[in-house]
Structure formats: C-alpha cells, structure tokens
Amino acid sequence: MAYQYDFDINLVERAQAGDDRAREDLLRRLEPMLRAFFIKRIGLKPAVDDLVQNTMLRVHGGLEALKDPQRLKAFAMKAALFELHDLYRGRYGPKESLYDPEHPPEHAHRTDAPAGIVVDLERALSILTPRARRILELREYGYRYQEIAEMVGTSEAAIKMQVKRAFEKMRNVFTATLIAGLLYGAFLG
C-alpha cells in the first residue's frame, strides 16, 4: 500500500491553532512515513516503535513553532533524524545488564584495576548532592538537558552547569583515589 506523504496545509494550520482532532489526524498520517524512514535505516527492530513515538512527540511539541505549514514533512524528518542520532549515540540501548543473582556472570566479580586501586563509584557519588546525583542519573538514562530541566524545574543552562560541576567534583575524587592508591602501592612495594 502506497502512502501519500503530502499534508493538507489547512490541516496543519488547524493543528497549529489547537484543533485536537486535526493534530491527531496529522500525527496519524505522519506515523507510516516515520516508520518507513526508521525501518529503512535500522531494519525491523524493537527500537523502531520508540523512535517513531519520540519523533511524534518532538513534532507535537514543536508544531506551534512551525512557521511554514508547507514544511511539515521536512520538520518531521529533521525530528526523525535527531532521534536516529540519539539511537546511534546509545540512548535507546540497554543501560544495565541484568543477571540471576544466584548465577552472576564471570566478569561480575573480576576487576582489571591494579592491586589497591579500585574505585568505589557509590562512594564517589556520595560527595554529590541528592539533586546532582538525580541529574546525573537522568542524564545516564538518556534524557536531554531540556527534559531534565523540565523535570527538576530549572533552566537547561543550570542543568548543564550542575552536570559540569558534578563531573569536576567526581574527577577530583577519582584523581585523589588514584594518587592514594599509587602511593599506597609504592609504600607496600
């Protein structure tokens, strides 16, 4: 079945004006085009549904700011491209490996660190404020700075600064731990 990907300007304008039915109709018409775009690039993978949904959220959120209703297709495809970039950056990948606690994998207990130099990430994170830890956690889960700012109730610039400061604090802890470990190893050796 071939899909027509041109959009009625009147429909786009009604959707921009706040007509919920027009917006739903518009997004429903965008869905096959977006799905085809992602399938062509990554194949039939479970991430396609997430990519389509997130692209439609981007379009929904930015529809009122679209200045030229004739550019809806280009606007939607740019949003799809951003989502594809996020996929390639690892945003849609699994963030942690789960395993049976009764049968952990071999690498779960192994460390490649030199003797005496093991970094306790929980201890390093404990120097941060609860707010900074939450922001880093949200960032690790793949949320964008703008999304985190909305969740936390502050500006995007403030979130970026908080992340920068948190990484600086943690870098200082890691450096101190490394130096202490090296000195301890030299003392024993």
N, C-alpha and C. Protein backbone atom coordinates (compact mmCIF):
# COMPACT_ATOMS: atom_id res chain seq x y z
N MET A 1 0.85 -1.18 0.00
CA MET A 1 0.00 0.00 0.00
C MET A 1 0.89 1.24 0.00
N ALA A 2 0.71 2.10 -0.93
CA ALA A 2 1.49 3.33 -1.01
C ALA A 2 0.83 4.41 -0.17
N TYR A 3 1.64 5.18 0.53
CA TYR A 3 1.12 6.26 1.37
C TYR A 3 1.41 7.60 0.72
N GLN A 4 0.49 8.49 0.84
CA GLN A 4 0.67 9.85 0.35
C GLN A 4 1.27 10.66 1.51
N TYR A 5 2.46 11.21 1.32
CA TYR A 5 3.14 11.91 2.40
C TYR A 5 3.00 13.43 2.31
N ASP A 6 2.18 13.93 1.40
CA ASP A 6 1.93 15.37 1.36
C ASP A 6 0.82 15.67 2.35
N PHE A 7 0.91 16.81 2.98
CA PHE A 7 -0.05 17.15 4.02
C PHE A 7 -0.83 18.40 3.64
N ASP A 8 -2.12 18.35 3.88
CA ASP A 8 -3.01 19.46 3.61
C ASP A 8 -2.61 20.63 4.51
N ILE A 9 -2.31 21.76 3.90
CA ILE A 9 -1.88 22.94 4.65
C ILE A 9 -2.95 23.36 5.64
N ASN A 10 -4.22 23.25 5.23
CA ASN A 10 -5.33 23.61 6.11
C ASN A 10 -5.32 22.74 7.37
N LEU A 11 -5.03 21.44 7.20
CA LEU A 11 -4.96 20.52 8.33
C LEU A 11 -3.83 20.92 9.28
N VAL A 12 -2.68 21.25 8.72
CA VAL A 12 -1.53 21.66 9.53
C VAL A 12 -1.87 22.95 10.30
N GLU A 13 -2.47 23.90 9.62
CA GLU A 13 -2.82 25.17 10.28
C GLU A 13 -3.83 24.97 11.40
N ARG A 14 -4.82 24.09 11.16
CA ARG A 14 -5.81 23.80 12.22
C ARG A 14 -5.12 23.13 13.42
N ALA A 15 -4.20 22.23 13.14
CA ALA A 15 -3.47 21.56 14.22
C ALA A 15 -2.64 22.57 15.00
N GLN A 16 -2.02 23.50 14.29
CA GLN A 16 -1.23 24.54 14.95
C GLN A 16 -2.10 25.46 15.80
N ALA A 17 -3.33 25.66 15.38
CA ALA A 17 -4.26 26.55 16.09
C ALA A 17 -4.85 25.88 17.33
N GLY A 18 -4.56 24.59 17.52
CA GLY A 18 -5.03 23.92 18.73
C GLY A 18 -6.16 22.94 18.50
N ASP A 19 -6.54 22.67 17.27
CA ASP A 19 -7.59 21.70 16.96
C ASP A 19 -7.04 20.29 17.23
N ASP A 20 -7.53 19.67 18.30
CA ASP A 20 -7.02 18.36 18.71
C ASP A 20 -7.26 17.28 17.67
N ARG A 21 -8.41 17.31 17.04
CA ARG A 21 -8.71 16.29 16.01
C ARG A 21 -7.75 16.44 14.82
N ALA A 22 -7.48 17.66 14.43
CA ALA A 22 -6.56 17.90 13.32
C ALA A 22 -5.15 17.43 13.69
N ARG A 23 -4.75 17.70 14.93
CA ARG A 23 -3.42 17.28 15.39
C ARG A 23 -3.31 15.76 15.40
N GLU A 24 -4.33 15.09 15.92
CA GLU A 24 -4.33 13.63 15.94
C GLU A 24 -4.29 13.06 14.52
N ASP A 25 -5.07 13.65 13.63
CA ASP A 25 -5.10 13.21 12.24
C ASP A 25 -3.72 13.41 11.59
N LEU A 26 -3.12 14.53 11.87
CA LEU A 26 -1.80 14.84 11.31
C LEU A 26 -0.75 13.85 11.79
N LEU A 27 -0.74 13.59 13.09
CA LEU A 27 0.23 12.65 13.64
C LEU A 27 -0.02 11.23 13.13
N ARG A 28 -1.29 10.85 12.98
CA ARG A 28 -1.62 9.53 12.44
C ARG A 28 -1.11 9.40 11.01
N ARG A 29 -1.18 10.47 10.25
CA ARG A 29 -0.69 10.45 8.86
C ARG A 29 0.84 10.45 8.80
N LEU A 30 1.47 11.02 9.79
CA LEU A 30 2.94 11.05 9.83
C LEU A 30 3.53 9.68 10.17
N GLU A 31 2.80 8.91 10.95
CA GLU A 31 3.34 7.67 11.50
C GLU A 31 3.88 6.70 10.44
N PRO A 32 3.17 6.40 9.35
CA PRO A 32 3.73 5.45 8.37
C PRO A 32 5.01 5.97 7.70
N MET A 33 5.06 7.26 7.47
CA MET A 33 6.25 7.85 6.85
C MET A 33 7.46 7.71 7.79
N LEU A 34 7.25 8.01 9.06
CA LEU A 34 8.33 7.90 10.04
C LEU A 34 8.76 6.45 10.21
N ARG A 35 7.78 5.56 10.30
CA ARG A 35 8.10 4.14 10.46
C ARG A 35 8.93 3.65 9.27
N ALA A 36 8.55 4.03 8.06
CA ALA A 36 9.30 3.63 6.87
C ALA A 36 10.72 4.18 6.91
N PHE A 37 10.87 5.42 7.36
CA PHE A 37 12.19 6.05 7.46
C PHE A 37 13.10 5.24 8.37
N PHE A 38 12.58 4.87 9.56
CA PHE A 38 13.42 4.15 10.52
C PHE A 38 13.68 2.71 10.08
N ILE A 39 12.69 2.05 9.54
CA ILE A 39 12.88 0.66 9.10
C ILE A 39 13.92 0.61 7.99
N LYS A 40 13.89 1.58 7.10
CA LYS A 40 14.86 1.62 6.01
C LYS A 40 16.28 1.76 6.54
N ARG A 41 16.44 2.44 7.66
CA ARG A 41 17.78 2.70 8.19
C ARG A 41 18.28 1.66 9.18
N ILE A 42 17.38 1.12 10.00
CA ILE A 42 17.86 0.17 11.02
C ILE A 42 17.21 -1.20 10.93
N GLY A 43 16.24 -1.36 10.03
CA GLY A 43 15.57 -2.65 9.88
C GLY A 43 14.41 -2.78 10.86
N LEU A 44 13.83 -3.96 10.87
CA LEU A 44 12.68 -4.22 11.75
C LEU A 44 13.19 -4.56 13.15
N LYS A 45 13.44 -3.56 13.92
CA LYS A 45 13.96 -3.75 15.28
C LYS A 45 12.96 -3.16 16.27
N PRO A 46 12.97 -3.63 17.51
CA PRO A 46 12.04 -3.11 18.50
C PRO A 46 12.19 -1.60 18.74
N ALA A 47 13.37 -1.06 18.49
CA ALA A 47 13.60 0.37 18.72
C ALA A 47 12.80 1.25 17.77
N VAL A 48 12.31 0.70 16.67
CA VAL A 48 11.56 1.49 15.70
C VAL A 48 10.34 2.13 16.35
N ASP A 49 9.63 1.37 17.16
CA ASP A 49 8.44 1.92 17.82
C ASP A 49 8.80 3.11 18.71
N ASP A 50 9.88 2.98 19.46
CA ASP A 50 10.32 4.09 20.32
C ASP A 50 10.73 5.30 19.49
N LEU A 51 11.45 5.04 18.43
CA LEU A 51 11.90 6.13 17.56
C LEU A 51 10.72 6.88 16.96
N VAL A 52 9.73 6.14 16.47
CA VAL A 52 8.55 6.77 15.89
C VAL A 52 7.81 7.58 16.95
N GLN A 53 7.61 6.99 18.11
CA GLN A 53 6.88 7.67 19.18
C GLN A 53 7.60 8.95 19.62
N ASN A 54 8.90 8.86 19.81
CA ASN A 54 9.65 10.04 20.25
C ASN A 54 9.69 11.12 19.17
N THR A 55 9.75 10.71 17.92
CA THR A 55 9.71 11.69 16.84
C THR A 55 8.36 12.39 16.82
N MET A 56 7.30 11.63 17.00
CA MET A 56 5.97 12.25 17.01
C MET A 56 5.82 13.19 18.21
N LEU A 57 6.44 12.86 19.32
CA LEU A 57 6.43 13.78 20.46
C LEU A 57 7.17 15.08 20.13
N ARG A 58 8.28 14.95 19.44
CA ARG A 58 9.02 16.15 19.01
C ARG A 58 8.17 17.00 18.09
N VAL A 59 7.52 16.37 17.13
CA VAL A 59 6.67 17.11 16.19
C VAL A 59 5.51 17.75 16.95
N HIS A 60 4.88 16.99 17.81
CA HIS A 60 3.76 17.51 18.60
C HIS A 60 4.18 18.73 19.41
N GLY A 61 5.34 18.62 20.05
CA GLY A 61 5.83 19.71 20.90
C GLY A 61 6.27 20.94 20.12
N GLY A 62 6.68 20.76 18.88
CA GLY A 62 7.20 21.89 18.11
C GLY A 62 6.27 22.38 17.02
N LEU A 63 5.09 21.78 16.93
CA LEU A 63 4.18 22.11 15.83
C LEU A 63 3.76 23.57 15.82
N GLU A 64 3.51 24.13 17.00
CA GLU A 64 3.07 25.53 17.06
C GLU A 64 4.16 26.49 16.60
N ALA A 65 5.42 26.08 16.75
CA ALA A 65 6.53 26.95 16.36
C ALA A 65 6.86 26.85 14.87
N LEU A 66 6.25 25.89 14.16
CA LEU A 66 6.49 25.73 12.74
C LEU A 66 5.93 26.93 11.99
N LYS A 67 6.82 27.68 11.37
CA LYS A 67 6.42 28.93 10.72
C LYS A 67 5.74 28.70 9.37
N ASP A 68 6.18 27.72 8.61
CA ASP A 68 5.64 27.46 7.29
C ASP A 68 4.96 26.09 7.29
N PRO A 69 3.63 26.04 7.29
CA PRO A 69 2.92 24.76 7.33
C PRO A 69 3.28 23.83 6.16
N GLN A 70 3.78 24.38 5.06
CA GLN A 70 4.17 23.55 3.93
C GLN A 70 5.44 22.76 4.23
N ARG A 71 6.16 23.12 5.28
CA ARG A 71 7.43 22.48 5.63
C ARG A 71 7.25 21.40 6.70
N LEU A 72 6.02 20.95 6.92
CA LEU A 72 5.77 19.95 7.95
C LEU A 72 6.59 18.68 7.72
N LYS A 73 6.61 18.18 6.49
CA LYS A 73 7.34 16.95 6.21
C LYS A 73 8.83 17.12 6.53
N ALA A 74 9.42 18.23 6.12
CA ALA A 74 10.84 18.48 6.41
C ALA A 74 11.06 18.60 7.92
N PHE A 75 10.12 19.25 8.59
CA PHE A 75 10.20 19.41 10.04
C PHE A 75 10.17 18.04 10.73
N ALA A 76 9.25 17.17 10.29
CA ALA A 76 9.13 15.84 10.88
C ALA A 76 10.36 14.99 10.58
N MET A 77 10.90 15.11 9.38
CA MET A 77 12.06 14.31 9.02
C MET A 77 13.31 14.77 9.78
N LYS A 78 13.40 16.05 10.06
CA LYS A 78 14.52 16.54 10.87
C LYS A 78 14.42 15.99 12.29
N ALA A 79 13.20 15.96 12.82
CA ALA A 79 12.99 15.38 14.15
C ALA A 79 13.36 13.90 14.14
N ALA A 80 13.00 13.20 13.07
CA ALA A 80 13.34 11.78 12.95
C ALA A 80 14.86 11.58 12.89
N LEU A 81 15.52 12.47 12.20
CA LEU A 81 16.98 12.39 12.10
C LEU A 81 17.62 12.59 13.48
N PHE A 82 17.10 13.52 14.27
CA PHE A 82 17.61 13.72 15.63
C PHE A 82 17.42 12.45 16.46
N GLU A 83 16.28 11.82 16.32
CA GLU A 83 16.03 10.58 17.07
C GLU A 83 16.99 9.48 16.62
N LEU A 84 17.25 9.41 15.33
CA LEU A 84 18.19 8.42 14.81
C LEU A 84 19.59 8.66 15.37
N HIS A 85 19.98 9.92 15.46
CA HIS A 85 21.28 10.26 16.06
C HIS A 85 21.31 9.80 17.52
N ASP A 86 20.21 10.02 18.25
CA ASP A 86 20.16 9.57 19.63
C ASP A 86 20.33 8.05 19.72
N LEU A 87 19.73 7.34 18.78
CA LEU A 87 19.88 5.88 18.76
C LEU A 87 21.35 5.52 18.57
N TYR A 88 22.00 6.17 17.63
CA TYR A 88 23.41 5.88 17.37
C TYR A 88 24.31 6.27 18.54
N ARG A 89 23.89 7.23 19.31
CA ARG A 89 24.67 7.63 20.49
C ARG A 89 24.43 6.72 21.68
N GLY A 90 23.52 5.79 21.55
CA GLY A 90 23.29 4.83 22.63
C GLY A 90 22.12 5.14 23.53
N ARG A 91 21.33 6.13 23.21
CA ARG A 91 20.21 6.48 24.08
C ARG A 91 19.18 5.37 24.19
N TYR A 92 19.01 4.59 23.13
CA TYR A 92 17.98 3.57 23.13
C TYR A 92 18.50 2.20 23.53
N GLY A 93 19.78 2.09 23.80
CA GLY A 93 20.35 0.80 24.16
C GLY A 93 20.10 0.46 25.61
N PRO A 94 20.29 -0.79 25.97
CA PRO A 94 20.13 -1.16 27.37
C PRO A 94 21.19 -0.47 28.22
N LYS A 95 20.79 -0.01 29.38
CA LYS A 95 21.70 0.72 30.24
C LYS A 95 22.37 -0.17 31.28
N GLU A 96 21.80 -1.31 31.54
CA GLU A 96 22.43 -2.19 32.52
C GLU A 96 22.13 -3.63 32.16
N SER A 97 23.04 -4.49 32.53
CA SER A 97 22.85 -5.91 32.28
C SER A 97 22.25 -6.54 33.52
N LEU A 98 21.19 -7.26 33.33
CA LEU A 98 20.56 -7.95 34.45
C LEU A 98 20.97 -9.41 34.40
N TYR A 99 21.16 -10.00 35.58
CA TYR A 99 21.53 -11.40 35.65
C TYR A 99 20.97 -11.99 36.92
N ASP A 100 20.92 -13.28 36.94
CA ASP A 100 20.40 -14.01 38.09
C ASP A 100 21.41 -13.89 39.23
N PRO A 101 20.99 -13.36 40.39
CA PRO A 101 21.93 -13.20 41.50
C PRO A 101 22.54 -14.53 41.96
N GLU A 102 21.85 -15.62 41.71
CA GLU A 102 22.38 -16.93 42.09
C GLU A 102 23.49 -17.39 41.14
N HIS A 103 23.50 -16.85 39.91
CA HIS A 103 24.48 -17.25 38.90
C HIS A 103 25.01 -16.03 38.18
N PRO A 104 25.79 -15.18 38.87
CA PRO A 104 26.31 -13.98 38.19
C PRO A 104 27.32 -14.37 37.13
N PRO A 105 27.45 -13.55 36.10
CA PRO A 105 28.45 -13.84 35.07
C PRO A 105 29.86 -13.73 35.65
N GLU A 106 30.82 -14.35 34.98
CA GLU A 106 32.19 -14.36 35.47
C GLU A 106 32.76 -12.97 35.65
N HIS A 107 32.48 -12.08 34.71
CA HIS A 107 33.07 -10.75 34.77
C HIS A 107 32.51 -9.89 35.89
N ALA A 108 31.45 -10.33 36.55
CA ALA A 108 30.84 -9.52 37.61
C ALA A 108 31.76 -9.38 38.82
N HIS A 109 32.62 -10.35 39.05
CA HIS A 109 33.50 -10.32 40.22
C HIS A 109 34.93 -9.96 39.88
N ARG A 110 35.24 -9.87 38.60
CA ARG A 110 36.61 -9.61 38.18
C ARG A 110 36.87 -8.11 38.10
N THR A 111 38.07 -7.71 38.42
CA THR A 111 38.46 -6.32 38.25
C THR A 111 39.79 -6.28 37.50
N ASP A 112 39.89 -5.35 36.60
CA ASP A 112 41.14 -5.22 35.84
C ASP A 112 42.03 -4.12 36.43
N ALA A 113 41.63 -3.55 37.56
CA ALA A 113 42.40 -2.47 38.17
C ALA A 113 43.64 -3.05 38.85
N PRO A 114 44.72 -2.27 38.86
CA PRO A 114 45.91 -2.71 39.57
C PRO A 114 45.61 -2.91 41.06
N ALA A 115 46.40 -3.72 41.70
CA ALA A 115 46.19 -4.02 43.11
C ALA A 115 46.10 -2.73 43.92
N GLY A 116 45.09 -2.62 44.75
CA GLY A 116 44.93 -1.46 45.62
C GLY A 116 44.21 -0.29 44.97
N ILE A 117 43.95 -0.36 43.67
CA ILE A 117 43.28 0.76 43.00
C ILE A 117 41.93 0.28 42.49
N VAL A 118 40.95 0.36 43.34
CA VAL A 118 39.59 0.03 42.97
C VAL A 118 38.74 1.24 43.35
N VAL A 119 38.00 1.75 42.40
CA VAL A 119 37.20 2.94 42.65
C VAL A 119 35.81 2.51 43.08
N ASP A 120 35.38 3.03 44.20
CA ASP A 120 34.03 2.78 44.70
C ASP A 120 33.14 3.89 44.17
N LEU A 121 32.39 3.58 43.12
CA LEU A 121 31.56 4.58 42.47
C LEU A 121 30.51 5.13 43.42
N GLU A 122 29.94 4.29 44.25
CA GLU A 122 28.93 4.77 45.19
C GLU A 122 29.53 5.80 46.15
N ARG A 123 30.75 5.55 46.58
CA ARG A 123 31.40 6.50 47.49
C ARG A 123 31.70 7.80 46.75
N ALA A 124 32.11 7.68 45.50
CA ALA A 124 32.38 8.89 44.70
C ALA A 124 31.11 9.69 44.48
N LEU A 125 30.00 9.00 44.24
CA LEU A 125 28.73 9.69 44.05
C LEU A 125 28.21 10.32 45.34
N SER A 126 28.63 9.78 46.47
CA SER A 126 28.13 10.28 47.75
C SER A 126 28.59 11.70 48.06
N ILE A 127 29.62 12.18 47.37
CA ILE A 127 30.06 13.56 47.60
C ILE A 127 29.12 14.57 46.95
N LEU A 128 28.27 14.08 46.04
CA LEU A 128 27.35 14.97 45.33
C LEU A 128 26.07 15.16 46.13
N THR A 129 25.41 16.26 45.87
CA THR A 129 24.11 16.49 46.49
C THR A 129 23.10 15.52 45.89
N PRO A 130 22.01 15.24 46.59
CA PRO A 130 20.98 14.37 46.02
C PRO A 130 20.47 14.89 44.67
N ARG A 131 20.36 16.19 44.55
CA ARG A 131 19.89 16.79 43.28
C ARG A 131 20.89 16.51 42.15
N ALA A 132 22.18 16.67 42.42
CA ALA A 132 23.20 16.42 41.41
C ALA A 132 23.22 14.94 41.02
N ARG A 133 23.08 14.05 42.01
CA ARG A 133 23.04 12.62 41.70
C ARG A 133 21.84 12.29 40.82
N ARG A 134 20.69 12.89 41.12
CA ARG A 134 19.48 12.64 40.31
C ARG A 134 19.67 13.14 38.88
N ILE A 135 20.28 14.31 38.73
CA ILE A 135 20.52 14.86 37.39
C ILE A 135 21.45 13.95 36.60
N LEU A 136 22.53 13.48 37.23
CA LEU A 136 23.46 12.57 36.54
C LEU A 136 22.77 11.25 36.18
N GLU A 137 21.92 10.78 37.07
CA GLU A 137 21.20 9.54 36.79
C GLU A 137 20.26 9.73 35.60
N LEU A 138 19.53 10.82 35.57
CA LEU A 138 18.63 11.09 34.44
C LEU A 138 19.43 11.24 33.14
N ARG A 139 20.57 11.87 33.23
CA ARG A 139 21.43 12.04 32.05
C ARG A 139 21.91 10.68 31.55
N GLU A 140 22.28 9.79 32.48
CA GLU A 140 22.74 8.46 32.11
C GLU A 140 21.61 7.65 31.47
N TYR A 141 20.38 7.88 31.89
CA TYR A 141 19.24 7.19 31.29
C TYR A 141 18.92 7.73 29.90
N GLY A 142 19.60 8.79 29.49
CA GLY A 142 19.44 9.29 28.12
C GLY A 142 18.56 10.50 27.97
N TYR A 143 18.11 11.08 29.08
CA TYR A 143 17.29 12.28 28.95
C TYR A 143 18.15 13.45 28.48
N ARG A 144 17.54 14.30 27.70
CA ARG A 144 18.23 15.50 27.21
C ARG A 144 18.23 16.54 28.33
N TYR A 145 19.15 17.50 28.22
CA TYR A 145 19.24 18.55 29.23
C TYR A 145 17.91 19.28 29.38
N GLN A 146 17.25 19.57 28.28
CA GLN A 146 15.98 20.29 28.32
C GLN A 146 14.92 19.48 29.09
N GLU A 147 14.89 18.17 28.85
CA GLU A 147 13.93 17.31 29.54
C GLU A 147 14.22 17.26 31.04
N ILE A 148 15.49 17.18 31.38
CA ILE A 148 15.87 17.15 32.80
C ILE A 148 15.49 18.47 33.47
N ALA A 149 15.73 19.58 32.77
CA ALA A 149 15.38 20.89 33.32
C ALA A 149 13.90 20.97 33.63
N GLU A 150 13.07 20.44 32.74
CA GLU A 150 11.62 20.45 32.98
C GLU A 150 11.26 19.59 34.19
N MET A 151 11.92 18.43 34.32
CA MET A 151 11.63 17.53 35.44
C MET A 151 12.03 18.15 36.78
N VAL A 152 13.18 18.81 36.77
CA VAL A 152 13.73 19.36 38.01
C VAL A 152 13.16 20.75 38.31
N GLY A 153 12.68 21.43 37.28
CA GLY A 153 12.09 22.75 37.49
C GLY A 153 13.11 23.87 37.44
N THR A 154 14.03 23.80 36.50
CA THR A 154 15.03 24.84 36.36
C THR A 154 15.35 25.02 34.87
N SER A 155 16.37 25.79 34.57
CA SER A 155 16.71 26.05 33.17
C SER A 155 17.69 25.00 32.65
N GLU A 156 17.75 24.91 31.34
CA GLU A 156 18.68 23.98 30.70
C GLU A 156 20.12 24.37 31.01
N ALA A 157 20.40 25.66 31.02
CA ALA A 157 21.76 26.13 31.33
C ALA A 157 22.17 25.73 32.75
N ALA A 158 21.23 25.82 33.68
CA ALA A 158 21.53 25.44 35.06
C ALA A 158 21.84 23.95 35.17
N ILE A 159 21.12 23.15 34.41
CA ILE A 159 21.36 21.70 34.42
C ILE A 159 22.75 21.40 33.85
N LYS A 160 23.10 22.04 32.76
CA LYS A 160 24.42 21.82 32.16
C LYS A 160 25.53 22.20 33.13
N MET A 161 25.35 23.30 33.84
CA MET A 161 26.35 23.73 34.81
C MET A 161 26.43 22.73 35.97
N GLN A 162 25.28 22.23 36.42
CA GLN A 162 25.26 21.25 37.51
C GLN A 162 26.00 19.98 37.10
N VAL A 163 25.80 19.53 35.87
CA VAL A 163 26.49 18.33 35.38
C VAL A 163 28.00 18.59 35.33
N LYS A 164 28.38 19.75 34.82
CA LYS A 164 29.81 20.09 34.73
C LYS A 164 30.45 20.09 36.11
N ARG A 165 29.80 20.73 37.07
CA ARG A 165 30.35 20.79 38.43
C ARG A 165 30.41 19.41 39.08
N ALA A 166 29.38 18.59 38.84
CA ALA A 166 29.37 17.24 39.42
C ALA A 166 30.52 16.42 38.86
N PHE A 167 30.76 16.52 37.56
CA PHE A 167 31.87 15.78 36.96
C PHE A 167 33.21 16.29 37.47
N GLU A 168 33.33 17.59 37.69
CA GLU A 168 34.57 18.13 38.25
C GLU A 168 34.82 17.57 39.65
N LYS A 169 33.78 17.55 40.49
CA LYS A 169 33.93 17.00 41.84
C LYS A 169 34.33 15.53 41.79
N MET A 170 33.66 14.78 40.93
CA MET A 170 33.97 13.35 40.84
C MET A 170 35.37 13.12 40.27
N ARG A 171 35.77 13.93 39.30
CA ARG A 171 37.12 13.80 38.75
C ARG A 171 38.15 14.03 39.86
N ASN A 172 37.91 15.00 40.73
CA ASN A 172 38.82 15.26 41.84
C ASN A 172 38.89 14.07 42.79
N VAL A 173 37.74 13.44 43.05
CA VAL A 173 37.73 12.26 43.93
C VAL A 173 38.48 11.11 43.28
N PHE A 174 38.24 10.89 41.98
CA PHE A 174 38.93 9.81 41.28
C PHE A 174 40.44 10.05 41.25
N THR A 175 40.84 11.29 41.03
CA THR A 175 42.26 11.62 41.00
C THR A 175 42.89 11.37 42.37
N ALA A 176 42.21 11.83 43.42
CA ALA A 176 42.73 11.61 44.78
C ALA A 176 42.81 10.12 45.10
N THR A 177 41.82 9.35 44.67
CA THR A 177 41.82 7.91 44.91
C THR A 177 42.97 7.24 44.17
N LEU A 178 43.18 7.65 42.94
CA LEU A 178 44.27 7.09 42.15
C LEU A 178 45.62 7.40 42.76
N ILE A 179 45.82 8.64 43.16
CA ILE A 179 47.09 9.04 43.78
C ILE A 179 47.31 8.28 45.09
N ALA A 180 46.23 8.19 45.89
CA ALA A 180 46.35 7.47 47.16
C ALA A 180 46.67 6.00 46.90
N GLY A 181 46.04 5.41 45.91
CA GLY A 181 46.31 4.01 45.58
C GLY A 181 47.73 3.79 45.11
N LEU A 182 48.22 4.71 44.28
CA LEU A 182 49.59 4.60 43.79
C LEU A 182 50.60 4.77 44.93
N LEU A 183 50.35 5.74 45.81
CA LEU A 183 51.24 5.94 46.95
C LEU A 183 51.21 4.73 47.89
N TYR A 184 50.01 4.20 48.09
CA TYR A 184 49.88 3.02 48.95
C TYR A 184 50.63 1.83 48.34
N GLY A 185 50.49 1.66 47.00
CA GLY A 185 51.22 0.58 46.32
C GLY A 185 52.71 0.77 46.41
N ALA A 186 53.18 2.02 46.28
CA ALA A 186 54.61 2.30 46.38
C ALA A 186 55.13 2.05 47.79
N PHE A 187 54.28 2.36 48.76
CA PHE A 187 54.65 2.15 50.17
C PHE A 187 54.80 0.67 50.46
N LEU A 188 53.90 -0.15 49.91
CA LEU A 188 53.97 -1.59 50.15
C LEU A 188 55.07 -2.25 49.34
N GLY A 189 55.34 -1.68 48.14
CA GLY A 189 56.30 -2.31 47.20
C GLY A 189 57.68 -1.96 47.52
